[in-house]
Each structure stands twice: as C-alpha cells, then as structure tokens.
C-alpha atoms as a PDB file:
ATOM      1  CA  MET A   1     109.282 164.894 206.216  1.00  0.00           C
ATOM      2  CA  ARG A   2     111.708 164.054 208.656  1.00  0.00           C
ATOM      3  CA  SER A   3     110.128 160.325 208.736  1.00  0.00           C
ATOM      4  CA  GLU A   4     109.339 160.104 205.023  1.00  0.00           C
ATOM      5  CA  LEU A   5     112.948 160.584 204.588  1.00  0.00           C
ATOM      6  CA  LYS A   6     113.918 158.246 207.411  1.00  0.00           C
ATOM      7  CA  GLN A   7     111.851 155.548 205.319  1.00  0.00           C
ATOM      8  CA  ILE A   8     113.346 156.560 201.886  1.00  0.00           C
ATOM      9  CA  LEU A   9     116.918 156.200 203.401  1.00  0.00           C
ATOM     10  CA  LYS A  10     115.962 153.129 204.944  1.00  0.00           C
ATOM     11  CA  LYS A  11     114.864 151.409 201.719  1.00  0.00           C
ATOM     12  CA  TYR A  12     117.625 152.765 199.477  1.00  0.00           C
ATOM     13  CA  PRO A  13     120.784 153.535 201.522  1.00  0.00           C
ATOM     14  CA  VAL A  14     123.260 154.774 198.922  1.00  0.00           C
ATOM     15  CA  ILE A  15     122.854 158.181 197.791  1.00  0.00           C
ATOM     16  CA  ALA A  16     124.515 159.091 194.836  1.00  0.00           C
ATOM     17  CA  ALA A  17     126.580 162.693 195.063  1.00  0.00           C
ATOM     18  CA  ALA A  18     126.564 164.048 191.783  1.00  0.00           C
ATOM     19  CA  LYS A  19     129.519 166.610 191.017  1.00  0.00           C
ATOM     20  CA  ASP A  20     129.055 167.303 187.171  1.00  0.00           C
ATOM     21  CA  VAL A  21     126.389 166.820 184.273  1.00  0.00           C
ATOM     22  CA  HIS A  22     128.036 162.916 183.387  1.00  0.00           C
ATOM     23  CA  GLY A  23     127.461 162.043 187.082  1.00  0.00           C
ATOM     24  CA  LEU A  24     124.055 163.541 187.140  1.00  0.00           C
ATOM     25  CA  GLU A  25     122.919 161.690 183.409  1.00  0.00           C
ATOM     26  CA  ASP A  26     124.602 158.243 185.321  1.00  0.00           C
ATOM     27  CA  ALA A  27     122.410 158.835 188.468  1.00  0.00           C
ATOM     28  CA  CYS A  28     119.554 159.501 186.315  1.00  0.00           C
ATOM     29  CA  GLN A  29     120.003 156.162 184.445  1.00  0.00           C
ATOM     30  CA  SER A  30     120.765 154.445 188.046  1.00  0.00           C
ATOM     31  CA  GLU A  31     118.390 152.891 190.439  1.00  0.00           C
ATOM     32  CA  ILE A  32     119.731 155.444 193.259  1.00  0.00           C
ATOM     33  CA  GLN A  33     116.217 157.192 194.745  1.00  0.00           C
ATOM     34  CA  ILE A  34     118.308 160.433 196.164  1.00  0.00           C
ATOM     35  CA  ILE A  35     120.701 162.654 194.036  1.00  0.00           C
ATOM     36  CA  PHE A  36     122.678 165.474 196.171  1.00  0.00           C
ATOM     37  CA  ILE A  37     123.772 167.714 193.477  1.00  0.00           C
ATOM     38  CA  LEU A  38     127.352 169.128 194.026  1.00  0.00           C
ATOM     39  CA  PHE A  39     128.035 171.782 190.924  1.00  0.00           C
ATOM     40  CA  GLY A  40     126.470 174.635 189.100  1.00  0.00           C
ATOM     41  CA  ASP A  41     125.553 177.902 189.423  1.00  0.00           C
ATOM     42  CA  ILE A  42     122.202 180.307 190.329  1.00  0.00           C
ATOM     43  CA  ILE A  43     121.633 180.239 186.570  1.00  0.00           C
ATOM     44  CA  ASN A  44     121.607 176.845 185.319  1.00  0.00           C
ATOM     45  CA  LEU A  45     120.613 175.135 188.700  1.00  0.00           C
ATOM     46  CA  PRO A  46     117.166 175.459 188.013  1.00  0.00           C
ATOM     47  CA  ASN A  47     117.731 172.910 184.664  1.00  0.00           C
ATOM     48  CA  ILE A  48     120.039 170.813 186.673  1.00  0.00           C
ATOM     49  CA  VAL A  49     117.260 170.310 189.480  1.00  0.00           C
ATOM     50  CA  LYS A  50     114.621 169.868 186.691  1.00  0.00           C
ATOM     51  CA  LYS A  51     116.654 167.037 184.989  1.00  0.00           C
ATOM     52  CA  ALA A  52     117.276 165.175 188.200  1.00  0.00           C
ATOM     53  CA  LYS A  53     113.478 165.517 189.125  1.00  0.00           C
ATOM     54  CA  LEU A  54     112.488 164.779 185.659  1.00  0.00           C
ATOM     55  CA  CYS A  55     114.057 161.466 186.391  1.00  0.00           C
ATOM     56  CA  GLY A  56     111.628 160.257 189.106  1.00  0.00           C
ATOM     57  CA  LYS A  57     114.424 161.431 191.963  1.00  0.00           C
ATOM     58  CA  LEU A  58     114.459 163.209 195.300  1.00  0.00           C
ATOM     59  CA  VAL A  59     116.830 166.055 194.837  1.00  0.00           C
ATOM     60  CA  PHE A  60     118.999 167.624 197.673  1.00  0.00           C
ATOM     61  CA  VAL A  61     121.289 170.961 196.305  1.00  0.00           C
ATOM     62  CA  HIS A  62     124.630 171.378 198.187  1.00  0.00           C
ATOM     63  CA  MET A  63     124.100 175.362 198.989  1.00  0.00           C
ATOM     64  CA  ASP A  64     127.822 175.945 200.215  1.00  0.00           C
ATOM     65  CA  LEU A  65     128.724 174.439 196.351  1.00  0.00           C
ATOM     66  CA  ILE A  66     126.769 176.247 194.333  1.00  0.00           C
ATOM     67  CA  GLU A  67     128.562 179.415 192.745  1.00  0.00           C
ATOM     68  CA  GLY A  68     126.399 182.676 193.317  1.00  0.00           C
ATOM     69  CA  LEU A  69     124.494 181.162 196.259  1.00  0.00           C
ATOM     70  CA  ASP A  70     125.904 182.976 199.714  1.00  0.00           C
ATOM     71  CA  THR A  71     125.800 181.221 202.850  1.00  0.00           C
ATOM     72  CA  LYS A  72     122.643 183.267 204.042  1.00  0.00           C
ATOM     73  CA  GLU A  73     118.458 182.099 204.756  1.00  0.00           C
ATOM     74  CA  ILE A  74     117.700 184.380 201.488  1.00  0.00           C
ATOM     75  CA  SER A  75     119.813 181.294 199.615  1.00  0.00           C
ATOM     76  CA  ALA A  76     117.040 178.634 200.575  1.00  0.00           C
ATOM     77  CA  LYS A  77     114.255 181.040 199.877  1.00  0.00           C
ATOM     78  CA  TYR A  78     116.000 180.661 195.855  1.00  0.00           C
ATOM     79  CA  ILE A  79     115.933 177.137 196.337  1.00  0.00           C
ATOM     80  CA  ARG A  80     112.789 177.013 197.273  1.00  0.00           C
ATOM     81  CA  ASP A  81     111.188 179.395 194.948  1.00  0.00           C
ATOM     82  CA  PHE A  82     113.119 178.838 191.704  1.00  0.00           C
ATOM     83  CA  THR A  83     114.133 175.177 191.462  1.00  0.00           C
ATOM     84  CA  GLU A  84     112.212 172.164 192.166  1.00  0.00           C
ATOM     85  CA  ALA A  85     114.309 170.825 194.637  1.00  0.00           C
ATOM     86  CA  ASP A  86     113.189 168.583 197.492  1.00  0.00           C
ATOM     87  CA  GLY A  87     115.630 169.711 200.036  1.00  0.00           C
ATOM     88  CA  ILE A  88     118.784 171.522 200.818  1.00  0.00           C
ATOM     89  CA  ILE A  89     122.470 170.416 202.382  1.00  0.00           C
ATOM     90  CA  SER A  90     125.085 173.240 204.173  1.00  0.00           C
ATOM     91  CA  THR A  91     127.169 173.106 206.911  1.00  0.00           C
ATOM     92  CA  LYS A  92     125.690 176.337 207.996  1.00  0.00           C
ATOM     93  CA  SER A  93     123.082 176.317 210.572  1.00  0.00           C
ATOM     94  CA  ASN A  94     120.982 179.275 209.613  1.00  0.00           C
ATOM     95  CA  VAL A  95     120.677 177.803 206.153  1.00  0.00           C
ATOM     96  CA  ILE A  96     119.713 174.481 207.610  1.00  0.00           C
ATOM     97  CA  LYS A  97     116.916 176.105 209.920  1.00  0.00           C
ATOM     98  CA  ALA A  98     115.537 178.317 207.308  1.00  0.00           C
ATOM     99  CA  GLY A  99     115.287 176.084 204.559  1.00  0.00           C
ATOM    100  CA  ASN A 100     113.411 173.565 207.520  1.00  0.00           C
ATOM    101  CA  GLU A 101     111.124 176.620 208.133  1.00  0.00           C
ATOM    102  CA  MET A 102     110.408 177.180 204.757  1.00  0.00           C
ATOM    103  CA  GLY A 103     109.686 173.038 204.261  1.00  0.00           C
ATOM    104  CA  LEU A 104     112.390 171.785 202.497  1.00  0.00           C
ATOM    105  CA  ILE A 105     114.151 168.719 203.389  1.00  0.00           C
ATOM    106  CA  THR A 106     117.146 169.671 205.320  1.00  0.00           C
ATOM    107  CA  VAL A 107     120.758 167.995 205.630  1.00  0.00           C
ATOM    108  CA  GLN A 108     123.494 169.478 207.520  1.00  0.00           C
ATOM    109  CA  ARG A 109     127.089 168.399 207.003  1.00  0.00           C
ATOM    110  CA  PHE A 110     129.686 168.102 209.501  1.00  0.00           C
ATOM    111  CA  PHE A 111     133.425 167.549 209.033  1.00  0.00           C
ATOM    112  CA  MET A 112     134.776 165.329 211.650  1.00  0.00           C
ATOM    113  CA  LEU A 113     138.266 166.800 212.246  1.00  0.00           C
ATOM    114  CA  ASP A 114     138.663 166.576 215.838  1.00  0.00           C
ATOM    115  CA  SER A 115     137.162 165.910 219.380  1.00  0.00           C
ATOM    116  CA  MET A 116     136.183 169.932 218.911  1.00  0.00           C
ATOM    117  CA  ALA A 117     134.104 169.319 215.441  1.00  0.00           C
ATOM    118  CA  MET A 118     132.243 166.514 217.477  1.00  0.00           C
ATOM    119  CA  GLU A 119     131.202 168.589 220.144  1.00  0.00           C
ATOM    120  CA  LYS A 120     130.449 171.367 218.056  1.00  0.00           C
ATOM    121  CA  ALA A 121     128.074 168.901 215.881  1.00  0.00           C
ATOM    122  CA  LYS A 122     126.620 167.377 219.055  1.00  0.00           C
ATOM    123  CA  LYS A 123     125.751 170.866 219.963  1.00  0.00           C
ATOM    124  CA  HIS A 124     123.849 171.367 216.655  1.00  0.00           C
ATOM    125  CA  MET A 125     122.117 168.044 216.687  1.00  0.00           C
ATOM    126  CA  GLU A 126     120.671 169.103 220.280  1.00  0.00           C
ATOM    127  CA  TYR A 127     118.543 172.093 218.414  1.00  0.00           C
ATOM    128  CA  ALA A 128     117.623 169.372 215.657  1.00  0.00           C
ATOM    129  CA  TYR A 129     116.624 171.816 212.706  1.00  0.00           C
ATOM    130  CA  ALA A 130     118.129 169.308 209.954  1.00  0.00           C
ATOM    131  CA  ASP A 131     116.081 166.219 209.065  1.00  0.00           C
ATOM    132  CA  ALA A 132     119.536 164.394 208.634  1.00  0.00           C
ATOM    133  CA  PHE A 133     122.936 164.601 209.143  1.00  0.00           C
ATOM    134  CA  GLU A 134     125.452 163.927 207.046  1.00  0.00           C
ATOM    135  CA  ILE A 135     129.457 163.374 208.707  1.00  0.00           C
ATOM    136  CA  LEU A 136     132.319 163.438 206.386  1.00  0.00           C
ATOM    137  CA  PRO A 137     134.595 161.952 206.101  1.00  0.00           C
ATOM    138  CA  GLY A 138     131.979 158.788 205.996  1.00  0.00           C
ATOM    139  CA  VAL A 139     135.092 156.140 206.758  1.00  0.00           C
ATOM    140  CA  ILE A 140     135.114 156.715 210.570  1.00  0.00           C
ATOM    141  CA  PRO A 141     133.033 153.999 212.086  1.00  0.00           C
ATOM    142  CA  LYS A 142     133.887 154.609 216.028  1.00  0.00           C
ATOM    143  CA  ILE A 143     132.765 158.529 215.544  1.00  0.00           C
ATOM    144  CA  ILE A 144     129.222 157.391 213.091  1.00  0.00           C
ATOM    145  CA  LYS A 145     128.824 155.247 215.989  1.00  0.00           C
ATOM    146  CA  LYS A 146     128.934 157.531 218.340  1.00  0.00           C
ATOM    147  CA  ILE A 147     127.481 160.055 216.514  1.00  0.00           C
ATOM    148  CA  SER A 148     124.451 158.084 215.584  1.00  0.00           C
ATOM    149  CA  ASN A 149     124.141 157.503 219.759  1.00  0.00           C
ATOM    150  CA  PHE A 150     123.615 161.409 219.993  1.00  0.00           C
ATOM    151  CA  THR A 151     120.739 161.623 217.885  1.00  0.00           C
ATOM    152  CA  GLU A 152     117.573 159.779 216.067  1.00  0.00           C
ATOM    153  CA  ILE A 153     118.063 161.770 213.614  1.00  0.00           C
ATOM    154  CA  PRO A 154     119.533 159.901 210.274  1.00  0.00           C
ATOM    155  CA  ILE A 155     123.023 159.643 209.685  1.00  0.00           C
ATOM    156  CA  ILE A 156     124.372 159.560 206.355  1.00  0.00           C
ATOM    157  CA  ALA A 157     128.074 158.959 205.940  1.00  0.00           C
ATOM    158  CA  GLY A 158     129.920 160.995 202.862  1.00  0.00           C
ATOM    159  CA  GLY A 159     133.579 161.348 201.719  1.00  0.00           C
ATOM    160  CA  LEU A 160     136.391 159.019 201.052  1.00  0.00           C
ATOM    161  CA  ILE A 161     133.858 156.027 200.756  1.00  0.00           C
ATOM    162  CA  GLU A 162     135.361 154.007 197.439  1.00  0.00           C
ATOM    163  CA  ASP A 163     134.101 150.673 197.681  1.00  0.00           C
ATOM    164  CA  GLN A 164     131.423 148.101 199.380  1.00  0.00           C
ATOM    165  CA  ASN A 165     133.746 147.081 202.027  1.00  0.00           C
ATOM    166  CA  ASP A 166     133.541 150.917 203.451  1.00  0.00           C
ATOM    167  CA  THR A 167     129.292 151.407 202.635  1.00  0.00           C
ATOM    168  CA  TYR A 168     128.936 148.305 205.034  1.00  0.00           C
ATOM    169  CA  THR A 169     131.116 149.661 207.293  1.00  0.00           C
ATOM    170  CA  ALA A 170     129.233 152.620 207.723  1.00  0.00           C
ATOM    171  CA  LEU A 171     125.743 151.327 207.631  1.00  0.00           C
ATOM    172  CA  SER A 172     127.281 148.561 210.118  1.00  0.00           C
ATOM    173  CA  SER A 173     128.321 151.753 212.625  1.00  0.00           C
ATOM    174  CA  GLY A 174     125.187 153.533 212.661  1.00  0.00           C
ATOM    175  CA  ALA A 175     124.637 155.362 209.266  1.00  0.00           C
ATOM    176  CA  SER A 176     121.551 155.440 207.350  1.00  0.00           C
ATOM    177  CA  ALA A 177     123.213 155.759 204.183  1.00  0.00           C
ATOM    178  CA  ILE A 178     126.246 156.957 202.428  1.00  0.00           C
ATOM    179  CA  SER A 179     126.757 159.406 199.679  1.00  0.00           C
ATOM    180  CA  THR A 180     129.224 158.810 197.491  1.00  0.00           C
ATOM    181  CA  THR A 181     130.443 160.061 193.946  1.00  0.00           C
ATOM    182  CA  ASN A 182     131.778 156.769 193.068  1.00  0.00           C
ATOM    183  CA  LYS A 183     129.427 155.343 190.498  1.00  0.00           C
ATOM    184  CA  SER A 184     130.478 151.695 190.791  1.00  0.00           C
ATOM    185  CA  LEU A 185     128.733 151.970 194.372  1.00  0.00           C
ATOM    186  CA  TRP A 186     125.264 153.372 192.863  1.00  0.00           C
ATOM    187  CA  LYS A 187     124.250 150.251 191.450  1.00  0.00           C
ATOM    188  CA  PHE A 188     125.063 148.574 194.883  1.00  0.00           C
ATOM    189  CA  VAL A 189     121.313 149.987 196.377  1.00  0.00           C
ATOM    190  CA  VAL A 190     119.631 146.437 194.567  1.00  0.00           C
ATOM    191  CA  GLU A 191     122.826 144.252 196.539  1.00  0.00           C
ATOM    192  CA  LEU A 192     121.989 145.371 200.233  1.00  0.00           C
END
C-alpha cells in the first residue's frame, strides 16, 4: 500500500479535506484523487464514504473527528468492515497500528507545537506503522524539511494552507502532498 500511495501522491499532491457535505460534493466534482473525510458520525459515515467512492476517489476517514468513534483499535475494524474507505487518519498510534494490520492505508497526524512534539513525532516515525505522516500546520517549511529527513515515508502538510504559494512552499520543503479544505486549491492539482 505504501508504494501505491507514494505514486498517487507524486501524481496528485493536493488532497481535498472535506469538512461537510458541500465540501464532499465539490471534491467529487474536482480532479482531486484523494479525499480526507473530516465530518460525520457512525450512522451516516458509510453513506458519506460511499458517495466519495462512487466519484472514483481514494477515501480516508479521519477517525478522531467522526462522532461516535472511539480512539481504540476496534474503530479501525468498524471502518474496514462497515465502510468502503481505503484508509484512516488519526493522531493515535494504536489506531494507526491496528488499521495498518487490518490492511487499511494509514496516515498518522502530528501537530508540531514545539520541539517536544517534534521529538515525539520522530520517535513514532521510527516504528513506521503509518503509510504517510501528516504534519500540521502545513505552513512551517523549516520543520517540514526536518521531518522529511527523519523518514522515507510520505509527508503530507495540512492546516493553514491558504494559497498556491503555501502549496509550493510545503512541496518544495519536502512534503509529498498537501491537504486542504480550501476548494480553490483543489483544482490546482492540474497546474502542478
């Protein structure tokens, strides 16, 4: 899965982060190939994912943001067994490990708040359960460069990416891709 994800990110380095139904509809109409689902609950999630899959997209569910899901391993099993999602996103290592073991593509999310957070991320990257790492905020090129030197696993820059300049800066700093809720950047993929 990891090599397949690397190839997709290389070709399509902009990821649509859909935070509501309207965002999902716009992502489905775009040329974006990957959608991060950042909304929903355990009741409507299977239908949300199905809609994205019908659009031909690779779909990841952000486990920490879905109402009714717990940050335990059983939640990864729920995603695998009751949705058509290709993968999961979480800040929780135990959930990422469980998802990886179940055959889901996994993205571990890290918030770079200070040097301690960066050291913690580096330690987690050594275990490499995730298929990709998402670093937030995505507008910290110096840190993205350092983090990308820790691992060969793709780095996704997310959070606070507002324009094409932010996108170029993150990608030129070592990120393999960016994730954004900014719909104007979703069409940017064809211009890269």
